[in-house]
Amino acid sequence: MSVDATTVRRIAHLARIAVSDAEVPHLQGELNAMLAFVEQLSEVDVDGVEPMTSVTPMQMKKRADMVNDGAIADQVVANAPATEDHFFLVPKVVE
């Protein structure tokens, strides 16, 4: 697959890039080189290769899904002006 000058101008228009007529041949060569590289990648045999999410094999660290109060409830409410049973007390604003 190769890109012609008309396609370069259309791509530039779609990308909202101002391209002068002098720049079109250079961009055409660049785009054709990129497409040639992509075509080279299609020649690689990838049968039996599993997709990977990282270049190093890793397992996600998992913790037990347990509900707890963090064992620091007293420290959390220590600076509050008023508390009751580890809850903040606030003045009533709606009557």
N, C-alpha and C. Protein backbone atom coordinates (compact mmCIF):
# COMPACT_ATOMS: atom_id res chain seq x y z
N MET A 1 0.85 -1.18 0.00
CA MET A 1 0.00 0.00 0.00
C MET A 1 0.89 1.23 0.00
N SER A 2 0.54 2.20 -0.82
CA SER A 2 1.31 3.44 -0.84
C SER A 2 0.35 4.63 -0.84
N VAL A 3 0.86 5.74 -0.41
CA VAL A 3 0.08 6.97 -0.28
C VAL A 3 0.48 7.91 -1.41
N ASP A 4 -0.50 8.51 -2.08
CA ASP A 4 -0.19 9.48 -3.11
C ASP A 4 -0.35 10.90 -2.56
N ALA A 5 -0.04 11.90 -3.37
CA ALA A 5 -0.07 13.29 -2.92
C ALA A 5 -1.48 13.73 -2.52
N THR A 6 -2.48 13.23 -3.23
CA THR A 6 -3.86 13.58 -2.90
C THR A 6 -4.23 13.06 -1.53
N THR A 7 -3.80 11.85 -1.22
CA THR A 7 -4.09 11.27 0.10
C THR A 7 -3.37 12.03 1.20
N VAL A 8 -2.14 12.48 0.94
CA VAL A 8 -1.40 13.27 1.93
C VAL A 8 -2.15 14.56 2.24
N ARG A 9 -2.64 15.21 1.20
CA ARG A 9 -3.39 16.46 1.40
C ARG A 9 -4.69 16.19 2.18
N ARG A 10 -5.35 15.07 1.87
CA ARG A 10 -6.59 14.73 2.58
C ARG A 10 -6.31 14.43 4.04
N ILE A 11 -5.25 13.69 4.33
CA ILE A 11 -4.89 13.39 5.72
C ILE A 11 -4.57 14.68 6.46
N ALA A 12 -3.83 15.57 5.83
CA ALA A 12 -3.50 16.86 6.45
C ALA A 12 -4.76 17.66 6.71
N HIS A 13 -5.70 17.63 5.78
CA HIS A 13 -6.96 18.35 5.97
C HIS A 13 -7.75 17.77 7.14
N LEU A 14 -7.84 16.43 7.20
CA LEU A 14 -8.57 15.79 8.30
C LEU A 14 -7.92 16.05 9.65
N ALA A 15 -6.59 16.16 9.66
CA ALA A 15 -5.86 16.42 10.90
C ALA A 15 -5.77 17.91 11.20
N ARG A 16 -6.32 18.72 10.32
CA ARG A 16 -6.29 20.17 10.48
C ARG A 16 -4.85 20.69 10.57
N ILE A 17 -4.01 20.17 9.68
CA ILE A 17 -2.61 20.58 9.63
C ILE A 17 -2.39 21.32 8.30
N ALA A 18 -1.81 22.50 8.37
CA ALA A 18 -1.50 23.24 7.16
C ALA A 18 -0.25 22.66 6.52
N VAL A 19 -0.38 22.18 5.28
CA VAL A 19 0.74 21.58 4.57
C VAL A 19 0.91 22.31 3.24
N SER A 20 2.11 22.83 3.02
CA SER A 20 2.37 23.51 1.75
C SER A 20 2.66 22.46 0.67
N ASP A 21 2.61 22.90 -0.59
CA ASP A 21 2.88 21.98 -1.71
C ASP A 21 4.31 21.46 -1.67
N ALA A 22 5.23 22.22 -1.12
CA ALA A 22 6.63 21.77 -1.04
C ALA A 22 6.81 20.66 0.00
N GLU A 23 5.94 20.61 0.99
CA GLU A 23 6.07 19.60 2.04
C GLU A 23 5.42 18.27 1.68
N VAL A 24 4.54 18.26 0.68
CA VAL A 24 3.79 17.06 0.34
C VAL A 24 4.69 15.89 -0.03
N PRO A 25 5.70 16.05 -0.90
CA PRO A 25 6.55 14.89 -1.24
C PRO A 25 7.28 14.30 -0.04
N HIS A 26 7.75 15.15 0.86
CA HIS A 26 8.45 14.66 2.05
C HIS A 26 7.49 13.87 2.93
N LEU A 27 6.29 14.41 3.16
CA LEU A 27 5.31 13.71 3.98
C LEU A 27 4.85 12.42 3.32
N GLN A 28 4.76 12.43 2.00
CA GLN A 28 4.38 11.23 1.27
C GLN A 28 5.41 10.12 1.51
N GLY A 29 6.68 10.47 1.47
CA GLY A 29 7.73 9.50 1.74
C GLY A 29 7.69 8.98 3.17
N GLU A 30 7.43 9.87 4.11
CA GLU A 30 7.35 9.48 5.52
C GLU A 30 6.19 8.52 5.75
N LEU A 31 5.03 8.85 5.20
CA LEU A 31 3.86 7.99 5.38
C LEU A 31 4.06 6.64 4.70
N ASN A 32 4.67 6.63 3.53
CA ASN A 32 4.93 5.36 2.85
C ASN A 32 5.92 4.51 3.64
N ALA A 33 6.90 5.14 4.27
CA ALA A 33 7.87 4.38 5.09
C ALA A 33 7.17 3.77 6.30
N MET A 34 6.24 4.51 6.91
CA MET A 34 5.50 3.97 8.06
C MET A 34 4.63 2.79 7.64
N LEU A 35 3.95 2.93 6.51
CA LEU A 35 3.11 1.84 6.03
C LEU A 35 3.94 0.61 5.66
N ALA A 36 5.12 0.82 5.11
CA ALA A 36 6.00 -0.30 4.77
C ALA A 36 6.43 -1.03 6.04
N PHE A 37 6.69 -0.30 7.10
CA PHE A 37 7.06 -0.93 8.37
C PHE A 37 5.90 -1.75 8.92
N VAL A 38 4.70 -1.24 8.84
CA VAL A 38 3.52 -1.97 9.32
C VAL A 38 3.33 -3.24 8.50
N GLU A 39 3.57 -3.17 7.20
CA GLU A 39 3.47 -4.35 6.35
C GLU A 39 4.52 -5.39 6.74
N GLN A 40 5.71 -4.94 7.15
CA GLN A 40 6.74 -5.88 7.63
C GLN A 40 6.26 -6.61 8.88
N LEU A 41 5.56 -5.92 9.74
CA LEU A 41 5.07 -6.55 10.97
C LEU A 41 4.07 -7.66 10.68
N SER A 42 3.32 -7.53 9.59
CA SER A 42 2.34 -8.57 9.27
C SER A 42 3.01 -9.86 8.82
N GLU A 43 4.29 -9.81 8.48
CA GLU A 43 5.01 -11.02 8.05
C GLU A 43 5.49 -11.86 9.24
N VAL A 44 5.45 -11.33 10.43
CA VAL A 44 5.94 -12.03 11.62
C VAL A 44 4.94 -13.12 12.00
N ASP A 45 5.45 -14.33 12.27
CA ASP A 45 4.61 -15.45 12.67
C ASP A 45 4.32 -15.34 14.17
N VAL A 46 3.06 -15.13 14.52
CA VAL A 46 2.68 -14.97 15.92
C VAL A 46 1.77 -16.10 16.39
N ASP A 47 1.73 -17.19 15.65
CA ASP A 47 0.92 -18.34 16.06
C ASP A 47 1.44 -18.90 17.36
N GLY A 48 0.56 -19.10 18.32
CA GLY A 48 0.93 -19.66 19.61
C GLY A 48 1.49 -18.65 20.60
N VAL A 49 1.56 -17.39 20.22
CA VAL A 49 2.07 -16.36 21.13
C VAL A 49 0.88 -15.74 21.85
N GLU A 50 0.89 -15.82 23.17
CA GLU A 50 -0.22 -15.26 23.94
C GLU A 50 -0.06 -13.75 24.10
N PRO A 51 -1.16 -13.02 24.07
CA PRO A 51 -1.06 -11.57 24.31
C PRO A 51 -0.58 -11.32 25.74
N MET A 52 0.14 -10.21 25.92
CA MET A 52 0.64 -9.91 27.26
C MET A 52 0.30 -8.48 27.63
N THR A 53 0.18 -8.27 28.92
CA THR A 53 -0.13 -6.93 29.41
C THR A 53 1.11 -6.19 29.87
N SER A 54 2.22 -6.90 30.01
CA SER A 54 3.45 -6.29 30.47
C SER A 54 4.62 -7.10 29.90
N VAL A 55 5.79 -6.49 29.84
CA VAL A 55 6.95 -7.21 29.33
C VAL A 55 7.54 -8.14 30.38
N THR A 56 7.15 -7.97 31.63
CA THR A 56 7.59 -8.87 32.69
C THR A 56 6.36 -9.59 33.26
N PRO A 57 6.48 -10.89 33.48
CA PRO A 57 5.32 -11.59 34.04
C PRO A 57 5.05 -11.12 35.47
N MET A 58 3.83 -10.70 35.71
CA MET A 58 3.48 -10.16 37.03
C MET A 58 2.12 -10.70 37.45
N GLN A 59 1.93 -10.83 38.73
CA GLN A 59 0.63 -11.16 39.30
C GLN A 59 0.20 -9.97 40.14
N MET A 60 -1.06 -9.63 40.06
CA MET A 60 -1.56 -8.53 40.88
C MET A 60 -1.56 -8.93 42.34
N LYS A 61 -1.13 -8.02 43.20
CA LYS A 61 -1.17 -8.27 44.63
C LYS A 61 -2.61 -8.16 45.09
N LYS A 62 -3.07 -9.18 45.77
CA LYS A 62 -4.45 -9.18 46.22
C LYS A 62 -4.49 -9.28 47.73
N ARG A 63 -5.44 -8.64 48.33
CA ARG A 63 -5.63 -8.73 49.77
C ARG A 63 -7.02 -9.28 50.03
N ALA A 64 -7.19 -9.77 51.20
CA ALA A 64 -8.50 -10.30 51.57
C ALA A 64 -9.51 -9.16 51.61
N ASP A 65 -10.71 -9.40 51.11
CA ASP A 65 -11.76 -8.39 51.07
C ASP A 65 -12.54 -8.47 52.37
N MET A 66 -12.01 -7.77 53.38
CA MET A 66 -12.62 -7.81 54.71
C MET A 66 -12.98 -6.39 55.14
N VAL A 67 -14.14 -6.25 55.74
CA VAL A 67 -14.58 -4.95 56.24
C VAL A 67 -14.06 -4.79 57.66
N ASN A 68 -13.37 -3.66 57.91
CA ASN A 68 -12.91 -3.36 59.26
C ASN A 68 -12.85 -1.85 59.44
N ASP A 69 -12.63 -1.43 60.65
CA ASP A 69 -12.59 0.01 60.92
C ASP A 69 -11.18 0.58 60.86
N GLY A 70 -10.21 -0.23 60.49
CA GLY A 70 -8.84 0.23 60.40
C GLY A 70 -8.12 0.24 61.73
N ALA A 71 -8.81 -0.07 62.79
CA ALA A 71 -8.25 -0.13 64.14
C ALA A 71 -7.67 1.19 64.62
N ILE A 72 -8.12 2.30 64.03
CA ILE A 72 -7.63 3.61 64.48
C ILE A 72 -8.79 4.59 64.65
N ALA A 73 -9.97 4.09 64.98
CA ALA A 73 -11.14 4.97 65.10
C ALA A 73 -10.91 6.06 66.13
N ASP A 74 -10.24 5.75 67.23
CA ASP A 74 -9.97 6.76 68.26
C ASP A 74 -9.07 7.86 67.72
N GLN A 75 -8.10 7.51 66.92
CA GLN A 75 -7.19 8.51 66.35
C GLN A 75 -7.91 9.39 65.32
N VAL A 76 -8.85 8.81 64.58
CA VAL A 76 -9.56 9.57 63.55
C VAL A 76 -10.39 10.69 64.18
N VAL A 77 -11.06 10.42 65.26
CA VAL A 77 -11.93 11.42 65.88
C VAL A 77 -11.25 12.16 67.03
N ALA A 78 -9.97 12.00 67.21
CA ALA A 78 -9.27 12.60 68.35
C ALA A 78 -9.36 14.13 68.37
N ASN A 79 -9.31 14.79 67.23
CA ASN A 79 -9.33 16.25 67.18
C ASN A 79 -10.72 16.85 66.98
N ALA A 80 -11.74 16.01 66.92
CA ALA A 80 -13.10 16.51 66.70
C ALA A 80 -13.60 17.20 67.97
N PRO A 81 -14.36 18.29 67.83
CA PRO A 81 -14.87 18.98 69.02
C PRO A 81 -15.91 18.16 69.77
N ALA A 82 -16.68 17.32 69.06
CA ALA A 82 -17.69 16.50 69.73
C ALA A 82 -17.83 15.17 69.00
N THR A 83 -17.80 14.07 69.74
CA THR A 83 -17.94 12.74 69.16
C THR A 83 -18.84 11.89 70.03
N GLU A 84 -19.36 10.82 69.40
CA GLU A 84 -20.15 9.85 70.15
C GLU A 84 -20.00 8.51 69.45
N ASP A 85 -19.48 7.51 70.15
CA ASP A 85 -19.27 6.17 69.60
C ASP A 85 -18.49 6.21 68.29
N HIS A 86 -17.40 6.95 68.26
CA HIS A 86 -16.52 7.07 67.09
C HIS A 86 -17.19 7.76 65.90
N PHE A 87 -18.22 8.56 66.13
CA PHE A 87 -18.87 9.34 65.08
C PHE A 87 -18.67 10.82 65.39
N PHE A 88 -18.59 11.66 64.37
CA PHE A 88 -18.53 13.09 64.56
C PHE A 88 -19.93 13.60 64.87
N LEU A 89 -20.04 14.47 65.85
CA LEU A 89 -21.31 15.13 66.16
C LEU A 89 -21.27 16.52 65.55
N VAL A 90 -22.31 16.87 64.83
CA VAL A 90 -22.38 18.18 64.20
C VAL A 90 -23.68 18.84 64.61
N PRO A 91 -23.71 20.17 64.64
CA PRO A 91 -24.95 20.84 65.05
C PRO A 91 -26.06 20.65 64.00
N LYS A 92 -27.26 20.62 64.46
CA LYS A 92 -28.42 20.46 63.59
C LYS A 92 -28.59 21.73 62.77
N VAL A 93 -28.77 21.59 61.45
CA VAL A 93 -28.91 22.77 60.60
C VAL A 93 -30.29 22.86 59.99
N VAL A 94 -31.10 21.83 60.05
CA VAL A 94 -32.45 21.84 59.50
C VAL A 94 -33.42 21.59 60.63
N GLU A 95 -34.44 22.40 60.70
CA GLU A 95 -35.42 22.21 61.78
C GLU A 95 -36.68 21.61 61.27
